[in-house]
């Protein structure tokens, strides 16, 4: 079975920084896309950042210039460096992996990020 272990969430003041990490393990042998999504209460889940095999990235417009996604392919780990955090960044952040021979989606359990004074 595939497990995605997330860490790095917490409470931070506006303007602060956090670094999220997610490590994939288990019965998955090919990972094509790794990314981060977020969902605030009462809101739709939205894509924050994704990184493809080979290193191509894309970001939501709301986080461009502030967030950076990276991955370590050998360790099946993806990171999200979040700088200049704003209250509107408050959400549960979910790690997402697309992999396997039929390109299935896998999701982490989420980590809470709260930006508040």
N, C-alpha and C. Protein backbone atom coordinates (compact mmCIF):
# COMPACT_ATOMS: atom_id res chain seq x y z
N UNK A 1 0.83 -1.18 0.00
CA UNK A 1 0.00 0.00 0.00
C UNK A 1 0.88 1.24 0.00
N UNK A 2 0.34 2.30 -0.56
CA UNK A 2 1.06 3.55 -0.67
C UNK A 2 0.73 4.43 0.53
N UNK A 3 1.76 5.01 1.08
CA UNK A 3 1.59 5.96 2.17
C UNK A 3 2.29 7.26 1.83
N UNK A 4 1.62 8.36 2.13
CA UNK A 4 2.20 9.68 1.99
C UNK A 4 2.26 10.30 3.37
N UNK A 5 3.46 10.55 3.83
CA UNK A 5 3.67 11.10 5.17
C UNK A 5 4.04 12.56 5.04
N UNK A 6 3.20 13.42 5.58
CA UNK A 6 3.37 14.86 5.48
C UNK A 6 3.83 15.41 6.81
N UNK A 7 4.58 16.50 6.74
CA UNK A 7 5.02 17.18 7.93
C UNK A 7 5.34 18.64 7.60
N UNK A 8 5.45 19.45 8.63
CA UNK A 8 5.89 20.82 8.47
C UNK A 8 4.83 21.88 8.68
N UNK A 9 3.58 21.49 8.83
CA UNK A 9 2.54 22.47 9.05
C UNK A 9 2.62 23.05 10.45
N UNK A 10 1.83 24.10 10.66
CA UNK A 10 1.81 24.72 11.96
C UNK A 10 1.24 26.11 11.91
N UNK A 11 1.45 26.83 12.98
CA UNK A 11 0.99 28.20 13.13
C UNK A 11 2.14 29.16 12.86
N UNK A 12 1.90 30.13 12.02
CA UNK A 12 2.93 31.10 11.67
C UNK A 12 2.29 32.47 11.54
N UNK A 13 3.04 33.50 11.84
CA UNK A 13 2.56 34.86 11.71
C UNK A 13 2.61 35.32 10.26
N UNK A 14 1.77 36.26 9.89
CA UNK A 14 1.87 36.81 8.54
C UNK A 14 3.28 37.28 8.23
N UNK A 15 3.72 36.96 7.03
CA UNK A 15 5.08 37.28 6.63
C UNK A 15 6.09 36.20 6.94
N UNK A 16 5.69 35.22 7.70
CA UNK A 16 6.59 34.14 8.08
C UNK A 16 6.71 33.08 7.02
N UNK A 17 7.44 32.03 7.37
CA UNK A 17 7.74 30.95 6.43
C UNK A 17 7.50 29.60 7.07
N UNK A 18 7.16 28.65 6.23
CA UNK A 18 7.06 27.25 6.61
C UNK A 18 7.56 26.41 5.46
N UNK A 19 8.03 25.22 5.78
CA UNK A 19 8.46 24.27 4.77
C UNK A 19 7.75 22.94 5.00
N UNK A 20 6.94 22.56 4.04
CA UNK A 20 6.23 21.29 4.10
C UNK A 20 7.03 20.21 3.39
N UNK A 21 6.90 19.00 3.88
CA UNK A 21 7.53 17.87 3.22
C UNK A 21 6.54 16.72 3.14
N UNK A 22 6.73 15.88 2.15
CA UNK A 22 5.88 14.72 1.95
C UNK A 22 6.72 13.61 1.35
N UNK A 23 6.73 12.48 2.00
CA UNK A 23 7.48 11.34 1.52
C UNK A 23 6.52 10.22 1.16
N UNK A 24 6.66 9.71 -0.05
CA UNK A 24 5.85 8.61 -0.52
C UNK A 24 6.61 7.30 -0.34
N UNK A 25 5.89 6.29 0.13
CA UNK A 25 6.49 4.98 0.31
C UNK A 25 5.43 3.91 0.07
N UNK A 26 5.88 2.68 -0.11
CA UNK A 26 4.97 1.58 -0.31
C UNK A 26 5.02 1.04 -1.73
N UNK A 27 3.92 0.45 -2.13
CA UNK A 27 3.86 -0.28 -3.40
C UNK A 27 3.58 0.64 -4.58
N UNK A 28 4.45 1.60 -4.76
CA UNK A 28 4.42 2.44 -5.95
C UNK A 28 5.85 2.53 -6.46
N UNK A 29 6.01 2.27 -7.72
CA UNK A 29 7.34 2.17 -8.29
C UNK A 29 7.67 3.26 -9.29
N UNK A 30 6.67 3.97 -9.73
CA UNK A 30 6.90 5.08 -10.64
C UNK A 30 6.04 6.26 -10.20
N UNK A 31 6.67 7.38 -9.96
CA UNK A 31 5.98 8.60 -9.58
C UNK A 31 6.19 9.62 -10.68
N UNK A 32 5.09 10.11 -11.23
CA UNK A 32 5.17 11.03 -12.36
C UNK A 32 4.98 12.48 -11.95
N UNK A 33 4.07 12.71 -11.03
CA UNK A 33 3.76 14.06 -10.58
C UNK A 33 3.67 14.07 -9.07
N UNK A 34 4.23 15.08 -8.46
CA UNK A 34 4.06 15.31 -7.03
C UNK A 34 3.62 16.75 -6.86
N UNK A 35 2.73 16.96 -5.91
CA UNK A 35 2.24 18.31 -5.75
C UNK A 35 1.58 18.54 -4.42
N UNK A 36 1.16 19.78 -4.26
CA UNK A 36 0.46 20.22 -3.05
C UNK A 36 -0.84 20.90 -3.43
N UNK A 37 -1.87 20.53 -2.73
CA UNK A 37 -3.18 21.15 -2.84
C UNK A 37 -3.57 21.67 -1.47
N UNK A 38 -4.51 22.57 -1.44
CA UNK A 38 -4.99 23.07 -0.15
C UNK A 38 -6.49 23.28 -0.19
N UNK A 39 -7.07 23.22 0.99
CA UNK A 39 -8.51 23.41 1.12
C UNK A 39 -8.81 24.11 2.43
N UNK A 40 -9.47 25.24 2.32
CA UNK A 40 -9.95 25.96 3.48
C UNK A 40 -11.39 25.54 3.77
N UNK A 41 -11.85 25.68 5.01
CA UNK A 41 -13.23 25.30 5.33
C UNK A 41 -14.24 26.00 4.43
N UNK A 42 -15.14 25.22 3.86
CA UNK A 42 -16.17 25.77 3.00
C UNK A 42 -15.71 26.13 1.61
N UNK A 43 -14.46 25.86 1.29
CA UNK A 43 -13.91 26.20 -0.01
C UNK A 43 -13.54 24.94 -0.78
N UNK A 44 -13.41 25.10 -2.09
CA UNK A 44 -12.97 24.00 -2.93
C UNK A 44 -11.48 23.77 -2.77
N UNK A 45 -11.09 22.53 -2.94
CA UNK A 45 -9.68 22.22 -2.95
C UNK A 45 -9.04 22.81 -4.20
N UNK A 46 -7.88 23.42 -4.03
CA UNK A 46 -7.20 24.05 -5.14
C UNK A 46 -5.77 23.57 -5.24
N UNK A 47 -5.28 23.53 -6.45
CA UNK A 47 -3.89 23.20 -6.68
C UNK A 47 -3.02 24.37 -6.27
N UNK A 48 -1.98 24.08 -5.52
CA UNK A 48 -1.03 25.09 -5.10
C UNK A 48 0.21 25.05 -5.96
N UNK A 49 0.80 23.88 -6.08
CA UNK A 49 2.02 23.71 -6.84
C UNK A 49 2.18 22.26 -7.23
N UNK A 50 2.76 22.04 -8.40
CA UNK A 50 3.05 20.69 -8.86
C UNK A 50 4.43 20.66 -9.49
N UNK A 51 5.04 19.51 -9.40
CA UNK A 51 6.32 19.30 -10.05
C UNK A 51 6.29 17.96 -10.76
N UNK A 52 6.69 17.97 -12.02
CA UNK A 52 6.64 16.78 -12.84
C UNK A 52 7.98 16.06 -12.81
N UNK A 53 7.95 14.82 -13.24
CA UNK A 53 9.21 14.13 -13.46
C UNK A 53 10.00 14.93 -14.49
N UNK A 54 11.24 15.17 -14.19
CA UNK A 54 12.05 16.04 -15.03
C UNK A 54 12.18 17.45 -14.50
N UNK A 55 11.33 17.83 -13.54
CA UNK A 55 11.52 19.09 -12.85
C UNK A 55 10.65 20.25 -13.26
N UNK A 56 9.79 20.08 -14.25
CA UNK A 56 8.91 21.18 -14.66
C UNK A 56 7.89 21.44 -13.55
N UNK A 57 7.68 22.70 -13.25
CA UNK A 57 6.79 23.09 -12.17
C UNK A 57 5.68 23.98 -12.66
N UNK A 58 4.60 24.03 -11.90
CA UNK A 58 3.58 25.04 -12.10
C UNK A 58 2.98 25.40 -10.75
N UNK A 59 2.47 26.64 -10.69
CA UNK A 59 1.98 27.20 -9.44
C UNK A 59 0.65 27.90 -9.65
N UNK A 60 -0.13 27.92 -8.59
CA UNK A 60 -1.29 28.79 -8.59
C UNK A 60 -0.84 30.24 -8.62
N UNK A 61 -1.61 31.07 -9.30
CA UNK A 61 -1.23 32.48 -9.41
C UNK A 61 -1.09 33.13 -8.03
N UNK A 62 -1.87 32.69 -7.08
CA UNK A 62 -1.88 33.31 -5.77
C UNK A 62 -0.60 33.07 -4.98
N UNK A 63 0.20 32.10 -5.38
CA UNK A 63 1.41 31.78 -4.63
C UNK A 63 2.69 32.02 -5.42
N UNK A 64 2.58 32.39 -6.67
CA UNK A 64 3.76 32.61 -7.49
C UNK A 64 4.65 33.68 -6.87
N UNK A 65 5.92 33.39 -6.83
CA UNK A 65 6.87 34.31 -6.24
C UNK A 65 7.05 34.16 -4.75
N UNK A 66 6.17 33.41 -4.11
CA UNK A 66 6.25 33.20 -2.66
C UNK A 66 6.54 31.75 -2.29
N UNK A 67 6.00 30.82 -3.06
CA UNK A 67 6.17 29.39 -2.77
C UNK A 67 7.10 28.76 -3.79
N UNK A 68 7.82 27.76 -3.36
CA UNK A 68 8.70 27.01 -4.23
C UNK A 68 8.53 25.52 -3.96
N UNK A 69 8.27 24.76 -5.01
CA UNK A 69 8.16 23.32 -4.88
C UNK A 69 9.43 22.66 -5.41
N UNK A 70 9.83 21.60 -4.77
CA UNK A 70 10.99 20.84 -5.21
C UNK A 70 10.78 19.38 -4.86
N UNK A 71 11.57 18.52 -5.45
CA UNK A 71 11.45 17.10 -5.17
C UNK A 71 12.81 16.43 -5.19
N UNK A 72 12.90 15.37 -4.43
CA UNK A 72 14.05 14.49 -4.42
C UNK A 72 13.57 13.14 -4.93
N UNK A 73 13.85 12.88 -6.18
CA UNK A 73 13.31 11.68 -6.82
C UNK A 73 13.79 10.40 -6.17
N UNK A 74 15.04 10.38 -5.77
CA UNK A 74 15.59 9.16 -5.18
C UNK A 74 14.90 8.80 -3.87
N UNK A 75 14.38 9.81 -3.19
CA UNK A 75 13.72 9.59 -1.91
C UNK A 75 12.20 9.67 -1.99
N UNK A 76 11.67 9.90 -3.18
CA UNK A 76 10.23 10.07 -3.37
C UNK A 76 9.66 11.09 -2.40
N UNK A 77 10.33 12.21 -2.31
CA UNK A 77 9.95 13.25 -1.38
C UNK A 77 9.73 14.56 -2.12
N UNK A 78 8.69 15.28 -1.74
CA UNK A 78 8.39 16.58 -2.31
C UNK A 78 8.33 17.60 -1.18
N UNK A 79 8.79 18.81 -1.47
CA UNK A 79 8.81 19.88 -0.50
C UNK A 79 8.06 21.08 -1.03
N UNK A 80 7.56 21.87 -0.12
CA UNK A 80 6.96 23.14 -0.46
C UNK A 80 7.48 24.19 0.51
N UNK A 81 8.33 25.06 -0.01
CA UNK A 81 8.82 26.17 0.77
C UNK A 81 7.86 27.33 0.62
N UNK A 82 7.31 27.79 1.72
CA UNK A 82 6.30 28.84 1.71
C UNK A 82 6.86 30.06 2.43
N UNK A 83 7.02 31.14 1.70
CA UNK A 83 7.53 32.38 2.25
C UNK A 83 6.47 33.47 2.14
N UNK A 84 6.66 34.52 2.90
CA UNK A 84 5.75 35.66 2.89
C UNK A 84 4.30 35.22 3.03
N UNK A 85 4.06 34.39 4.01
CA UNK A 85 2.74 33.82 4.18
C UNK A 85 1.71 34.87 4.56
N UNK A 86 0.51 34.66 4.03
CA UNK A 86 -0.60 35.56 4.24
C UNK A 86 -1.74 34.81 4.94
N UNK A 87 -2.62 35.54 5.62
CA UNK A 87 -3.75 34.86 6.26
C UNK A 87 -4.57 34.02 5.28
N UNK A 88 -4.68 34.45 4.04
CA UNK A 88 -5.44 33.70 3.06
C UNK A 88 -4.78 32.40 2.64
N UNK A 89 -3.55 32.17 3.07
CA UNK A 89 -2.90 30.89 2.86
C UNK A 89 -3.35 29.84 3.87
N UNK A 90 -4.09 30.24 4.87
CA UNK A 90 -4.56 29.31 5.89
C UNK A 90 -5.44 28.24 5.26
N UNK A 91 -5.08 26.99 5.47
CA UNK A 91 -5.80 25.87 4.88
C UNK A 91 -5.16 24.58 5.36
N UNK A 92 -5.82 23.48 5.05
CA UNK A 92 -5.20 22.18 5.17
C UNK A 92 -4.50 21.89 3.85
N UNK A 93 -3.24 21.57 3.93
CA UNK A 93 -2.44 21.30 2.75
C UNK A 93 -2.28 19.80 2.58
N UNK A 94 -2.57 19.34 1.38
CA UNK A 94 -2.54 17.92 1.07
C UNK A 94 -1.47 17.62 0.04
N UNK A 95 -0.69 16.62 0.33
CA UNK A 95 0.27 16.10 -0.63
C UNK A 95 -0.44 15.21 -1.64
N UNK A 96 -0.06 15.31 -2.88
CA UNK A 96 -0.65 14.51 -3.95
C UNK A 96 0.45 13.90 -4.79
N UNK A 97 0.28 12.62 -5.10
CA UNK A 97 1.21 11.90 -5.95
C UNK A 97 0.42 11.20 -7.03
N UNK A 98 0.89 11.30 -8.25
CA UNK A 98 0.34 10.56 -9.37
C UNK A 98 1.41 9.58 -9.81
N UNK A 99 1.05 8.31 -9.79
CA UNK A 99 2.04 7.32 -10.14
C UNK A 99 1.45 5.98 -10.47
N UNK A 100 2.34 5.04 -10.73
CA UNK A 100 1.93 3.70 -11.09
C UNK A 100 1.63 3.56 -12.57
N UNK A 101 1.42 2.34 -12.98
CA UNK A 101 1.24 2.06 -14.40
C UNK A 101 -0.06 2.62 -14.95
N UNK A 102 -1.04 2.87 -14.11
CA UNK A 102 -2.31 3.43 -14.56
C UNK A 102 -2.52 4.85 -14.06
N UNK A 103 -1.47 5.48 -13.60
CA UNK A 103 -1.49 6.89 -13.20
C UNK A 103 -2.57 7.19 -12.17
N UNK A 104 -2.54 6.46 -11.09
CA UNK A 104 -3.49 6.70 -10.01
C UNK A 104 -3.08 7.86 -9.13
N UNK A 105 -4.07 8.47 -8.52
CA UNK A 105 -3.88 9.55 -7.57
C UNK A 105 -3.78 9.00 -6.15
N UNK A 106 -2.82 9.53 -5.41
CA UNK A 106 -2.67 9.21 -4.01
C UNK A 106 -2.63 10.51 -3.22
N UNK A 107 -3.21 10.48 -2.03
CA UNK A 107 -3.34 11.69 -1.22
C UNK A 107 -2.85 11.46 0.19
N UNK A 108 -2.18 12.45 0.72
CA UNK A 108 -1.86 12.45 2.13
C UNK A 108 -3.06 12.84 2.97
N UNK A 109 -2.90 12.76 4.27
CA UNK A 109 -3.99 13.07 5.19
C UNK A 109 -4.15 14.55 5.46
N UNK A 110 -3.19 15.34 5.06
CA UNK A 110 -3.27 16.77 5.22
C UNK A 110 -2.51 17.26 6.43
N UNK A 111 -1.99 18.46 6.31
CA UNK A 111 -1.33 19.13 7.42
C UNK A 111 -1.84 20.56 7.48
N UNK A 112 -2.18 20.99 8.67
CA UNK A 112 -2.80 22.30 8.86
C UNK A 112 -1.75 23.40 8.83
N UNK A 113 -2.01 24.41 8.03
CA UNK A 113 -1.22 25.63 8.02
C UNK A 113 -2.13 26.78 8.41
N UNK A 114 -1.77 27.46 9.48
CA UNK A 114 -2.54 28.60 9.96
C UNK A 114 -1.65 29.82 9.99
N UNK A 115 -2.07 30.86 9.31
CA UNK A 115 -1.32 32.11 9.25
C UNK A 115 -2.14 33.16 9.99
N UNK A 116 -1.67 33.53 11.15
CA UNK A 116 -2.44 34.43 11.99
C UNK A 116 -1.53 35.06 13.03
N UNK A 117 -1.91 36.26 13.46
CA UNK A 117 -1.21 36.90 14.56
C UNK A 117 -1.74 36.46 15.90
